[in-house]
PDB file of N, CA and C in Angstrom:
ATOM      1  N   UNK A   1      76.460  71.053  76.227  1.00  0.00           N
ATOM      2  CA  UNK A   1      76.232  72.410  76.702  1.00  0.00           C
ATOM      3  C   UNK A   1      76.156  72.462  78.233  1.00  0.00           C
ATOM      4  N   UNK A   2      75.551  71.414  78.854  1.00  0.00           N
ATOM      5  CA  UNK A   2      75.429  71.378  80.314  1.00  0.00           C
ATOM      6  C   UNK A   2      76.777  71.335  80.997  1.00  0.00           C
ATOM      7  N   UNK A   3      77.734  70.658  80.362  1.00  0.00           N
ATOM      8  CA  UNK A   3      79.076  70.573  80.927  1.00  0.00           C
ATOM      9  C   UNK A   3      79.732  71.945  80.965  1.00  0.00           C
ATOM     10  N   UNK A   4      79.614  72.691  79.890  1.00  0.00           N
ATOM     11  CA  UNK A   4      80.223  74.023  79.808  1.00  0.00           C
ATOM     12  C   UNK A   4      79.579  74.971  80.812  1.00  0.00           C
ATOM     13  N   UNK A   5      78.271  74.956  80.885  1.00  0.00           N
ATOM     14  CA  UNK A   5      77.556  75.847  81.816  1.00  0.00           C
ATOM     15  C   UNK A   5      77.939  75.523  83.257  1.00  0.00           C
ATOM     16  N   UNK A   6      77.992  74.240  83.581  1.00  0.00           N
ATOM     17  CA  UNK A   6      78.373  73.841  84.939  1.00  0.00           C
ATOM     18  C   UNK A   6      79.791  74.297  85.263  1.00  0.00           C
ATOM     19  N   UNK A   7      80.695  74.176  84.310  1.00  0.00           N
ATOM     20  CA  UNK A   7      82.062  74.639  84.509  1.00  0.00           C
ATOM     21  C   UNK A   7      82.131  76.128  84.771  1.00  0.00           C
ATOM     22  N   UNK A   8      81.342  76.896  84.042  1.00  0.00           N
ATOM     23  CA  UNK A   8      81.329  78.347  84.242  1.00  0.00           C
ATOM     24  C   UNK A   8      80.711  78.724  85.584  1.00  0.00           C
ATOM     25  N   UNK A   9      79.664  78.017  85.978  1.00  0.00           N
ATOM     26  CA  UNK A   9      79.040  78.281  87.278  1.00  0.00           C
ATOM     27  C   UNK A   9      80.028  77.979  88.402  1.00  0.00           C
ATOM     28  N   UNK A  10      80.697  76.832  88.301  1.00  0.00           N
ATOM     29  CA  UNK A  10      81.684  76.462  89.315  1.00  0.00           C
ATOM     30  C   UNK A  10      82.808  77.493  89.374  1.00  0.00           C
ATOM     31  N   UNK A  11      83.247  77.945  88.210  1.00  0.00           N
ATOM     32  CA  UNK A  11      84.312  78.958  88.169  1.00  0.00           C
ATOM     33  C   UNK A  11      83.848  80.280  88.776  1.00  0.00           C
ATOM     34  N   UNK A  12      82.598  80.636  88.542  1.00  0.00           N
ATOM     35  CA  UNK A  12      82.050  81.880  89.110  1.00  0.00           C
ATOM     36  C   UNK A  12      82.038  81.808  90.641  1.00  0.00           C
ATOM     37  N   UNK A  13      81.727  80.634  91.182  1.00  0.00           N
ATOM     38  CA  UNK A  13      81.771  80.471  92.644  1.00  0.00           C
ATOM     39  C   UNK A  13      83.182  80.712  93.168  1.00  0.00           C
ATOM     40  N   UNK A  14      84.175  80.117  92.517  1.00  0.00           N
ATOM     41  CA  UNK A  14      85.561  80.305  92.954  1.00  0.00           C
ATOM     42  C   UNK A  14      85.942  81.777  92.855  1.00  0.00           C
ATOM     43  N   UNK A  15      85.606  82.409  91.753  1.00  0.00           N
ATOM     44  CA  UNK A  15      85.925  83.823  91.555  1.00  0.00           C
ATOM     45  C   UNK A  15      85.308  84.675  92.661  1.00  0.00           C
ATOM     46  N   UNK A  16      84.065  84.373  93.019  1.00  0.00           N
ATOM     47  CA  UNK A  16      83.379  85.176  94.037  1.00  0.00           C
ATOM     48  C   UNK A  16      84.003  85.019  95.422  1.00  0.00           C
ATOM     49  N   UNK A  17      84.673  83.894  95.682  1.00  0.00           N
ATOM     50  CA  UNK A  17      85.291  83.719  97.001  1.00  0.00           C
ATOM     51  C   UNK A  17      86.380  84.754  97.253  1.00  0.00           C
ATOM     52  N   UNK A  18      86.988  85.272  96.195  1.00  0.00           N
ATOM     53  CA  UNK A  18      88.058  86.253  96.369  1.00  0.00           C
ATOM     54  C   UNK A  18      87.534  87.617  96.814  1.00  0.00           C
ATOM     55  N   UNK A  19      86.216  87.804  96.790  1.00  0.00           N
ATOM     56  CA  UNK A  19      85.619  89.059  97.220  1.00  0.00           C
ATOM     57  C   UNK A  19      85.019  88.962  98.613  1.00  0.00           C
ATOM     58  N   UNK A  20      85.068  87.780  99.204  1.00  0.00           N
ATOM     59  CA  UNK A  20      84.473  87.575 100.520  1.00  0.00           C
ATOM     60  C   UNK A  20      85.351  88.186 101.600  1.00  0.00           C
ATOM     61  N   UNK A  21      84.707  88.891 102.527  1.00  0.00           N
ATOM     62  CA  UNK A  21      85.438  89.502 103.633  1.00  0.00           C
ATOM     63  C   UNK A  21      85.165  88.807 104.955  1.00  0.00           C
ATOM     64  N   UNK A  22      84.161  87.949 104.972  1.00  0.00           N
ATOM     65  CA  UNK A  22      83.807  87.240 106.204  1.00  0.00           C
ATOM     66  C   UNK A  22      83.951  85.739 105.967  1.00  0.00           C
ATOM     67  N   UNK A  23      84.408  85.057 106.999  1.00  0.00           N
ATOM     68  CA  UNK A  23      84.761  83.650 106.870  1.00  0.00           C
ATOM     69  C   UNK A  23      83.560  82.744 106.586  1.00  0.00           C
ATOM     70  N   UNK A  24      82.435  82.954 107.257  1.00  0.00           N
ATOM     71  CA  UNK A  24      81.303  82.060 107.047  1.00  0.00           C
ATOM     72  C   UNK A  24      80.785  82.114 105.616  1.00  0.00           C
ATOM     73  N   UNK A  25      80.538  83.310 105.047  1.00  0.00           N
ATOM     74  CA  UNK A  25      80.112  83.323 103.646  1.00  0.00           C
ATOM     75  C   UNK A  25      81.167  82.727 102.714  1.00  0.00           C
ATOM     76  N   UNK A  26      82.434  82.960 103.026  1.00  0.00           N
ATOM     77  CA  UNK A  26      83.509  82.395 102.211  1.00  0.00           C
ATOM     78  C   UNK A  26      83.416  80.871 102.197  1.00  0.00           C
ATOM     79  N   UNK A  27      83.260  80.271 103.355  1.00  0.00           N
ATOM     80  CA  UNK A  27      83.178  78.803 103.420  1.00  0.00           C
ATOM     81  C   UNK A  27      81.934  78.283 102.713  1.00  0.00           C
ATOM     82  N   UNK A  28      80.815  78.981 102.852  1.00  0.00           N
ATOM     83  CA  UNK A  28      79.589  78.536 102.186  1.00  0.00           C
ATOM     84  C   UNK A  28      79.739  78.577 100.664  1.00  0.00           C
ATOM     85  N   UNK A  29      80.333  79.630 100.153  1.00  0.00           N
ATOM     86  CA  UNK A  29      80.537  79.729  98.704  1.00  0.00           C
ATOM     87  C   UNK A  29      81.582  78.709  98.255  1.00  0.00           C
ATOM     88  N   UNK A  30      82.599  78.472  99.077  1.00  0.00           N
ATOM     89  CA  UNK A  30      83.605  77.463  98.738  1.00  0.00           C
ATOM     90  C   UNK A  30      82.963  76.073  98.673  1.00  0.00           C
ATOM     91  N   UNK A  31      82.053  75.791  99.578  1.00  0.00           N
ATOM     92  CA  UNK A  31      81.337  74.508  99.553  1.00  0.00           C
ATOM     93  C   UNK A  31      80.492  74.406  98.289  1.00  0.00           C
ATOM     94  N   UNK A  32      79.809  75.489  97.930  1.00  0.00           N
ATOM     95  CA  UNK A  32      79.025  75.495  96.683  1.00  0.00           C
ATOM     96  C   UNK A  32      79.942  75.272  95.486  1.00  0.00           C
ATOM     97  N   UNK A  33      81.115  75.872  95.525  1.00  0.00           N
ATOM     98  CA  UNK A  33      82.105  75.689  94.459  1.00  0.00           C
ATOM     99  C   UNK A  33      82.543  74.231  94.378  1.00  0.00           C
ATOM    100  N   UNK A  34      82.812  73.622  95.529  1.00  0.00           N
ATOM    101  CA  UNK A  34      83.217  72.218  95.539  1.00  0.00           C
ATOM    102  C   UNK A  34      82.143  71.326  94.925  1.00  0.00           C
ATOM    103  N   UNK A  35      80.901  71.555  95.326  1.00  0.00           N
ATOM    104  CA  UNK A  35      79.787  70.757  94.794  1.00  0.00           C
ATOM    105  C   UNK A  35      79.641  70.981  93.291  1.00  0.00           C
ATOM    106  N   UNK A  36      79.747  72.239  92.860  1.00  0.00           N
ATOM    107  CA  UNK A  36      79.614  72.542  91.428  1.00  0.00           C
ATOM    108  C   UNK A  36      80.744  71.903  90.626  1.00  0.00           C
ATOM    109  N   UNK A  37      81.976  71.954  91.127  1.00  0.00           N
ATOM    110  CA  UNK A  37      83.086  71.340  90.399  1.00  0.00           C
ATOM    111  C   UNK A  37      82.999  69.817  90.415  1.00  0.00           C
ATOM    112  N   UNK A  38      82.493  69.239  91.493  1.00  0.00           N
ATOM    113  CA  UNK A  38      82.294  67.793  91.505  1.00  0.00           C
ATOM    114  C   UNK A  38      81.228  67.400  90.487  1.00  0.00           C
ATOM    115  N   UNK A  39      80.171  68.200  90.402  1.00  0.00           N
ATOM    116  CA  UNK A  39      79.131  67.967  89.395  1.00  0.00           C
ATOM    117  C   UNK A  39      79.723  68.077  87.997  1.00  0.00           C
ATOM    118  N   UNK A  40      80.543  69.090  87.797  1.00  0.00           N
ATOM    119  CA  UNK A  40      81.234  69.291  86.514  1.00  0.00           C
ATOM    120  C   UNK A  40      82.065  68.059  86.162  1.00  0.00           C
ATOM    121  N   UNK A  41      82.813  67.552  87.138  1.00  0.00           N
ATOM    122  CA  UNK A  41      83.617  66.359  86.898  1.00  0.00           C
ATOM    123  C   UNK A  41      82.771  65.146  86.567  1.00  0.00           C
ATOM    124  N   UNK A  42      81.675  64.971  87.311  1.00  0.00           N
ATOM    125  CA  UNK A  42      80.806  63.822  87.059  1.00  0.00           C
ATOM    126  C   UNK A  42      80.067  63.933  85.724  1.00  0.00           C
ATOM    127  N   UNK A  43      79.752  65.151  85.310  1.00  0.00           N
ATOM    128  CA  UNK A  43      79.131  65.324  83.992  1.00  0.00           C
ATOM    129  C   UNK A  43      80.077  64.873  82.889  1.00  0.00           C
ATOM    130  N   UNK A  44      81.365  64.881  83.202  1.00  0.00           N
ATOM    131  CA  UNK A  44      82.343  64.372  82.241  1.00  0.00           C
ATOM    132  C   UNK A  44      82.089  62.926  81.870  1.00  0.00           C
ATOM    133  N   UNK A  45      81.479  62.166  82.777  1.00  0.00           N
ATOM    134  CA  UNK A  45      81.112  60.784  82.453  1.00  0.00           C
ATOM    135  C   UNK A  45      80.120  60.746  81.302  1.00  0.00           C
ATOM    136  N   UNK A  46      79.120  61.617  81.359  1.00  0.00           N
ATOM    137  CA  UNK A  46      78.089  61.641  80.319  1.00  0.00           C
ATOM    138  C   UNK A  46      78.628  62.175  78.994  1.00  0.00           C
ATOM    139  N   UNK A  47      79.620  63.040  79.049  1.00  0.00           N
ATOM    140  CA  UNK A  47      80.152  63.661  77.840  1.00  0.00           C
ATOM    141  C   UNK A  47      81.460  63.014  77.377  1.00  0.00           C
ATOM    142  N   UNK A  48      81.899  61.967  78.058  1.00  0.00           N
ATOM    143  CA  UNK A  48      83.106  61.265  77.653  1.00  0.00           C
ATOM    144  C   UNK A  48      84.397  62.000  77.967  1.00  0.00           C
ATOM    145  N   UNK A  49      84.350  62.971  78.858  1.00  0.00           N
ATOM    146  CA  UNK A  49      85.534  63.749  79.224  1.00  0.00           C
ATOM    147  C   UNK A  49      86.012  63.467  80.647  1.00  0.00           C
ATOM    148  N   UNK A  50      85.518  62.425  81.266  1.00  0.00           N
ATOM    149  CA  UNK A  50      85.828  62.209  82.680  1.00  0.00           C
ATOM    150  C   UNK A  50      87.320  62.034  82.923  1.00  0.00           C
ATOM    151  N   UNK A  51      88.030  61.408  81.991  1.00  0.00           N
ATOM    152  CA  UNK A  51      89.463  61.194  82.209  1.00  0.00           C
ATOM    153  C   UNK A  51      90.203  62.524  82.333  1.00  0.00           C
ATOM    154  N   UNK A  52      89.747  63.552  81.615  1.00  0.00           N
ATOM    155  CA  UNK A  52      90.369  64.886  81.732  1.00  0.00           C
ATOM    156  C   UNK A  52      89.883  65.631  82.965  1.00  0.00           C
ATOM    157  N   UNK A  53      88.670  65.350  83.396  1.00  0.00           N
ATOM    158  CA  UNK A  53      88.074  66.076  84.521  1.00  0.00           C
ATOM    159  C   UNK A  53      88.261  65.358  85.861  1.00  0.00           C
ATOM    160  N   UNK A  54      88.790  64.155  85.826  1.00  0.00           N
ATOM    161  CA  UNK A  54      88.978  63.373  87.041  1.00  0.00           C
ATOM    162  C   UNK A  54      89.807  64.114  88.092  1.00  0.00           C
ATOM    163  N   UNK A  55      90.934  64.756  87.733  1.00  0.00           N
ATOM    164  CA  UNK A  55      91.693  65.487  88.763  1.00  0.00           C
ATOM    165  C   UNK A  55      90.876  66.600  89.428  1.00  0.00           C
ATOM    166  N   UNK A  56      90.041  67.284  88.670  1.00  0.00           N
ATOM    167  CA  UNK A  56      89.183  68.334  89.237  1.00  0.00           C
ATOM    168  C   UNK A  56      88.198  67.721  90.219  1.00  0.00           C
ATOM    169  N   UNK A  57      87.601  66.584  89.829  1.00  0.00           N
ATOM    170  CA  UNK A  57      86.658  65.907  90.708  1.00  0.00           C
ATOM    171  C   UNK A  57      87.334  65.489  92.013  1.00  0.00           C
ATOM    172  N   UNK A  58      88.514  64.872  91.915  1.00  0.00           N
ATOM    173  CA  UNK A  58      89.228  64.403  93.114  1.00  0.00           C
ATOM    174  C   UNK A  58      89.611  65.581  94.015  1.00  0.00           C
ATOM    175  N   UNK A  59      90.126  66.650  93.416  1.00  0.00           N
ATOM    176  CA  UNK A  59      90.503  67.829  94.203  1.00  0.00           C
ATOM    177  C   UNK A  59      89.323  68.349  95.010  1.00  0.00           C
ATOM    178  N   UNK A  60      88.187  68.532  94.368  1.00  0.00           N
ATOM    179  CA  UNK A  60      87.040  69.117  95.068  1.00  0.00           C
ATOM    180  C   UNK A  60      86.352  68.109  95.988  1.00  0.00           C
ATOM    181  N   UNK A  61      86.508  66.821  95.708  1.00  0.00           N
ATOM    182  CA  UNK A  61      86.001  65.802  96.638  1.00  0.00           C
ATOM    183  C   UNK A  61      86.818  65.837  97.931  1.00  0.00           C
ATOM    184  N   UNK A  62      88.092  66.192  97.838  1.00  0.00           N
ATOM    185  CA  UNK A  62      88.936  66.330  99.031  1.00  0.00           C
ATOM    186  C   UNK A  62      88.694  67.666  99.743  1.00  0.00           C
ATOM    187  N   UNK A  63      88.471  68.722  98.978  1.00  0.00           N
ATOM    188  CA  UNK A  63      88.271  70.051  99.570  1.00  0.00           C
ATOM    189  C   UNK A  63      86.911  70.196 100.248  1.00  0.00           C
ATOM    190  N   UNK A  64      85.900  69.483  99.755  1.00  0.00           N
ATOM    191  CA  UNK A  64      84.555  69.607 100.318  1.00  0.00           C
ATOM    192  C   UNK A  64      84.519  69.278 101.811  1.00  0.00           C
ATOM    193  N   UNK A  65      85.002  68.111 102.252  1.00  0.00           N
ATOM    194  CA  UNK A  65      84.953  67.850 103.695  1.00  0.00           C
ATOM    195  C   UNK A  65      85.813  68.836 104.499  1.00  0.00           C
ATOM    196  N   UNK A  66      86.927  69.260 103.931  1.00  0.00           N
ATOM    197  CA  UNK A  66      87.764  70.242 104.616  1.00  0.00           C
ATOM    198  C   UNK A  66      87.001  71.549 104.823  1.00  0.00           C
ATOM    199  N   UNK A  67      86.307  72.021 103.796  1.00  0.00           N
ATOM    200  CA  UNK A  67      85.524  73.250 103.922  1.00  0.00           C
ATOM    201  C   UNK A  67      84.369  73.085 104.901  1.00  0.00           C
ATOM    202  N   UNK A  68      83.751  71.915 104.918  1.00  0.00           N
ATOM    203  CA  UNK A  68      82.652  71.671 105.873  1.00  0.00           C
ATOM    204  C   UNK A  68      83.189  71.691 107.303  1.00  0.00           C
ATOM    205  N   UNK A  69      84.326  71.037 107.534  1.00  0.00           N
ATOM    206  CA  UNK A  69      84.928  71.028 108.875  1.00  0.00           C
ATOM    207  C   UNK A  69      85.291  72.448 109.304  1.00  0.00           C
ATOM    208  N   UNK A  70      85.908  73.220 108.422  1.00  0.00           N
ATOM    209  CA  UNK A  70      86.297  74.598 108.755  1.00  0.00           C
ATOM    210  C   UNK A  70      85.066  75.474 108.997  1.00  0.00           C
ATOM    211  N   UNK A  71      83.998  75.245 108.255  1.00  0.00           N
ATOM    212  CA  UNK A  71      82.753  75.987 108.484  1.00  0.00           C
ATOM    213  C   UNK A  71      82.214  75.686 109.876  1.00  0.00           C
ATOM    214  N   UNK A  72      82.190  74.414 110.237  1.00  0.00           N
ATOM    215  CA  UNK A  72      81.688  74.033 111.565  1.00  0.00           C
ATOM    216  C   UNK A  72      82.577  74.598 112.667  1.00  0.00           C
ATOM    217  N   UNK A  73      83.890  74.577 112.467  1.00  0.00           N
ATOM    218  CA  UNK A  73      84.806  75.166 113.454  1.00  0.00           C
ATOM    219  C   UNK A  73      84.549  76.661 113.615  1.00  0.00           C
ATOM    220  N   UNK A  74      84.371  77.360 112.515  1.00  0.00           N
ATOM    221  CA  UNK A  74      84.113  78.804 112.573  1.00  0.00           C
ATOM    222  C   UNK A  74      82.812  79.090 113.302  1.00  0.00           C
ATOM    223  N   UNK A  75      81.801  78.289 113.047  1.00  0.00           N
ATOM    224  CA  UNK A  75      80.516  78.490 113.728  1.00  0.00           C
ATOM    225  C   UNK A  75      80.656  78.249 115.224  1.00  0.00           C
ATOM    226  N   UNK A  76      81.444  77.239 115.603  1.00  0.00           N
ATOM    227  CA  UNK A  76      81.660  76.975 117.038  1.00  0.00           C
ATOM    228  C   UNK A  76      82.405  78.134 117.695  1.00  0.00           C
ATOM    229  N   UNK A  77      83.411  78.665 117.018  1.00  0.00           N
ATOM    230  CA  UNK A  77      84.170  79.791 117.575  1.00  0.00           C
ATOM    231  C   UNK A  77      83.264  81.004 117.740  1.00  0.00           C
ATOM    232  N   UNK A  78      82.452  81.288 116.725  1.00  0.00           N
ATOM    233  CA  UNK A  78      81.529  82.428 116.820  1.00  0.00           C
ATOM    234  C   UNK A  78      80.516  82.230 117.943  1.00  0.00           C
ATOM    235  N   UNK A  79      80.019  81.014 118.083  1.00  0.00           N
ATOM    236  CA  UNK A  79      79.058  80.742 119.160  1.00  0.00           C
ATOM    237  C   UNK A  79      79.721  80.908 120.521  1.00  0.00           C
ATOM    238  N   UNK A  80      80.946  80.434 120.660  1.00  0.00           N
ATOM    239  CA  UNK A  80      81.660  80.579 121.933  1.00  0.00           C
ATOM    240  C   UNK A  80      81.929  82.042 122.232  1.00  0.00           C
ATOM    241  N   UNK A  81      82.295  82.805 121.229  1.00  0.00           N
ATOM    242  CA  UNK A  81      82.545  84.237 121.426  1.00  0.00           C
ATOM    243  C   UNK A  81      81.261  84.950 121.800  1.00  0.00           C
ATOM    244  N   UNK A  82      80.174  84.547 121.194  1.00  0.00           N
ATOM    245  CA  UNK A  82      78.881  85.161 121.503  1.00  0.00           C
ATOM    246  C   UNK A  82      78.451  84.847 122.927  1.00  0.00           C
ATOM    247  N   UNK A  83      78.693  83.603 123.346  1.00  0.00           N
ATOM    248  CA  UNK A  83      78.299  83.178 124.687  1.00  0.00           C
ATOM    249  C   UNK A  83      79.200  83.740 125.779  1.00  0.00           C
ATOM    250  N   UNK A  84      80.441  84.021 125.429  1.00  0.00           N
ATOM    251  CA  UNK A  84      81.383  84.542 126.425  1.00  0.00           C
ATOM    252  C   UNK A  84      81.008  85.976 126.776  1.00  0.00           C
ATOM    253  N   UNK A  85      81.222  86.333 127.999  1.00  0.00           N
ATOM    254  CA  UNK A  85      80.963  87.703 128.424  1.00  0.00           C
ATOM    255  C   UNK A  85      82.011  88.631 127.839  1.00  0.00           C
ATOM    256  N   UNK A  86      81.734  89.897 127.833  1.00  0.00           N
ATOM    257  CA  UNK A  86      82.658  90.896 127.286  1.00  0.00           C
ATOM    258  C   UNK A  86      83.998  90.849 128.019  1.00  0.00           C
ATOM    259  N   UNK A  87      83.951  90.630 129.325  1.00  0.00           N
ATOM    260  CA  UNK A  87      85.192  90.598 130.102  1.00  0.00           C
ATOM    261  C   UNK A  87      86.077  89.434 129.659  1.00  0.00           C
ATOM    262  N   UNK A  88      85.483  88.279 129.412  1.00  0.00           N
ATOM    263  CA  UNK A  88      86.271  87.119 128.972  1.00  0.00           C
ATOM    264  C   UNK A  88      86.850  87.338 127.585  1.00  0.00           C
ATOM    265  N   UNK A  89      86.215  88.144 126.773  1.00  0.00           N
ATOM    266  CA  UNK A  89      86.711  88.407 125.425  1.00  0.00           C
ATOM    267  C   UNK A  89      87.861  89.410 125.454  1.00  0.00           C
ATOM    268  N   UNK A  90      87.802  90.368 126.366  1.00  0.00           N
ATOM    269  CA  UNK A  90      88.797  91.443 126.408  1.00  0.00           C
ATOM    270  C   UNK A  90      90.011  91.052 127.239  1.00  0.00           C
ATOM    271  N   UNK A  91      89.840  90.213 128.223  1.00  0.00           N
ATOM    272  CA  UNK A  91      90.930  89.856 129.134  1.00  0.00           C
ATOM    273  C   UNK A  91      92.215  89.430 128.406  1.00  0.00           C
ATOM    274  N   UNK A  92      92.179  88.560 127.401  1.00  0.00           N
ATOM    275  CA  UNK A  92      93.430  88.190 126.719  1.00  0.00           C
ATOM    276  C   UNK A  92      94.089  89.365 125.991  1.00  0.00           C
ATOM    277  N   UNK A  93      93.304  90.379 125.674  1.00  0.00           N
ATOM    278  CA  UNK A  93      93.847  91.544 124.982  1.00  0.00           C
ATOM    279  C   UNK A  93      94.423  92.578 125.943  1.00  0.00           C
ATOM    280  N   UNK A  94      94.142  92.455 127.220  1.00  0.00           N
ATOM    281  CA  UNK A  94      94.532  93.456 128.210  1.00  0.00           C
ATOM    282  C   UNK A  94      96.002  93.850 128.158  1.00  0.00           C
ATOM    283  N   UNK A  95      96.944  92.925 127.975  1.00  0.00           N
ATOM    284  CA  UNK A  95      98.349  93.344 127.935  1.00  0.00           C
ATOM    285  C   UNK A  95      98.664  94.293 126.770  1.00  0.00           C
ATOM    286  N   UNK A  96      97.824  94.311 125.787  1.00  0.00           N
ATOM    287  CA  UNK A  96      98.078  95.140 124.609  1.00  0.00           C
ATOM    288  C   UNK A  96      97.279  96.444 124.619  1.00  0.00           C
ATOM    289  N   UNK A  97      96.490  96.654 125.656  1.00  0.00           N
ATOM    290  CA  UNK A  97      95.633  97.831 125.740  1.00  0.00           C
ATOM    291  C   UNK A  97      96.208  98.843 126.724  1.00  0.00           C
ATOM    292  N   UNK A  98      95.818 100.081 126.536  1.00  0.00           N
ATOM    293  CA  UNK A  98      96.197 101.117 127.503  1.00  0.00           C
ATOM    294  C   UNK A  98      94.968 101.972 127.785  1.00  0.00           C
ATOM    295  N   UNK A  99      94.921 102.522 128.965  1.00  0.00           N
ATOM    296  CA  UNK A  99      93.798 103.334 129.395  1.00  0.00           C
ATOM    297  C   UNK A  99      94.085 104.793 129.074  1.00  0.00           C
ATOM    298  N   UNK A 100      93.130 105.442 128.455  1.00  0.00           N
ATOM    299  CA  UNK A 100      93.258 106.872 128.139  1.00  0.00           C
ATOM    300  C   UNK A 100      92.009 107.586 128.630  1.00  0.00           C
ATOM    301  N   UNK A 101      92.188 108.801 129.109  1.00  0.00           N
ATOM    302  CA  UNK A 101      91.049 109.616 129.542  1.00  0.00           C
ATOM    303  C   UNK A 101      90.772 110.668 128.472  1.00  0.00           C
ATOM    304  N   UNK A 102      89.495 110.881 128.167  1.00  0.00           N
ATOM    305  CA  UNK A 102      89.101 111.875 127.172  1.00  0.00           C
ATOM    306  C   UNK A 102      87.918 112.678 127.703  1.00  0.00           C
ATOM    307  N   UNK A 103      87.805 113.887 127.245  1.00  0.00           N
ATOM    308  CA  UNK A 103      86.687 114.747 127.618  1.00  0.00           C
ATOM    309  C   UNK A 103      85.440 114.308 126.850  1.00  0.00           C
ATOM    310  N   UNK A 104      84.289 114.582 127.425  1.00  0.00           N
ATOM    311  CA  UNK A 104      83.031 114.268 126.748  1.00  0.00           C
ATOM    312  C   UNK A 104      82.983 115.010 125.414  1.00  0.00           C
ATOM    313  N   UNK A 105      82.515 114.350 124.390  1.00  0.00           N
ATOM    314  CA  UNK A 105      82.359 114.889 123.034  1.00  0.00           C
ATOM    315  C   UNK A 105      83.693 115.187 122.345  1.00  0.00           C
ATOM    316  N   UNK A 106      84.810 114.769 122.930  1.00  0.00           N
ATOM    317  CA  UNK A 106      86.112 114.953 122.302  1.00  0.00           C
ATOM    318  C   UNK A 106      86.243 113.978 121.116  1.00  0.00           C
ATOM    319  N   UNK A 107      86.784 114.465 120.016  1.00  0.00           N
ATOM    320  CA  UNK A 107      87.018 113.610 118.860  1.00  0.00           C
ATOM    321  C   UNK A 107      88.299 112.823 119.091  1.00  0.00           C
ATOM    322  N   UNK A 108      88.196 111.514 119.100  1.00  0.00           N
ATOM    323  CA  UNK A 108      89.342 110.662 119.375  1.00  0.00           C
ATOM    324  C   UNK A 108      90.090 110.340 118.085  1.00  0.00           C
ATOM    325  N   UNK A 109      89.363 110.109 117.010  1.00  0.00           N
ATOM    326  CA  UNK A 109      89.968 109.898 115.694  1.00  0.00           C
ATOM    327  C   UNK A 109      88.949 110.300 114.645  1.00  0.00           C
ATOM    328  N   UNK A 110      89.429 110.545 113.442  1.00  0.00           N
ATOM    329  CA  UNK A 110      88.557 110.969 112.355  1.00  0.00           C
ATOM    330  C   UNK A 110      88.711 110.018 111.176  1.00  0.00           C
ATOM    331  N   UNK A 111      87.672 109.947 110.389  1.00  0.00           N
ATOM    332  CA  UNK A 111      87.692 109.113 109.196  1.00  0.00           C
ATOM    333  C   UNK A 111      88.834 109.551 108.280  1.00  0.00           C
ATOM    334  N   UNK A 112      89.577 108.583 107.770  1.00  0.00           N
ATOM    335  CA  UNK A 112      90.682 108.882 106.859  1.00  0.00           C
ATOM    336  C   UNK A 112      91.994 109.141 107.546  1.00  0.00           C
ATOM    337  N   UNK A 113      91.968 109.220 108.868  1.00  0.00           N
ATOM    338  CA  UNK A 113      93.186 109.470 109.625  1.00  0.00           C
ATOM    339  C   UNK A 113      94.102 108.250 109.521  1.00  0.00           C
ATOM    340  N   UNK A 114      95.399 108.499 109.466  1.00  0.00           N
ATOM    341  CA  UNK A 114      96.368 107.397 109.354  1.00  0.00           C
ATOM    342  C   UNK A 114      96.216 106.447 110.537  1.00  0.00           C
ATOM    343  N   UNK A 115      96.322 105.161 110.259  1.00  0.00           N
ATOM    344  CA  UNK A 115      96.235 104.161 111.313  1.00  0.00           C
ATOM    345  C   UNK A 115      97.611 103.890 111.870  1.00  0.00           C
ATOM    346  N   UNK A 116      97.647 103.582 113.156  1.00  0.00           N
ATOM    347  CA  UNK A 116      98.904 103.233 113.808  1.00  0.00           C
ATOM    348  C   UNK A 116      99.005 101.714 113.825  1.00  0.00           C
ATOM    349  N   UNK A 117     100.090 101.172 113.317  1.00  0.00           N
ATOM    350  CA  UNK A 117     100.302  99.722 113.302  1.00  0.00           C
ATOM    351  C   UNK A 117     101.436  99.369 114.252  1.00  0.00           C
ATOM    352  N   UNK A 118     101.201  98.388 115.088  1.00  0.00           N
ATOM    353  CA  UNK A 118     102.218  97.952 116.043  1.00  0.00           C
ATOM    354  C   UNK A 118     102.880  96.697 115.571  1.00  0.00           C
TER     355      UNK A 118
END
């Protein structure tokens, strides 16, 4: 029974990653998924199913360090962006921006308005 429950928990983690909109939570849930699937694979030893679960174990043993590295990279990028001044963040975007003048309290865009894609 523990093997089945662990498999469902691991699958639920993977399923939930498809609803993530932010990278850090996505990586954290992916890491939890990797650990859960590795546990699922190792439980196969106790239940005599390891030969069938070995590929799952190997896959998630390889994905775990990759997800940890990507999580650390994302945290470094966020920290650098946080530490950088607003001018340093906007400067690379300057060639793509244009200056517009608007009156005080003028509505520039409204909710539901079509977006312009370049």
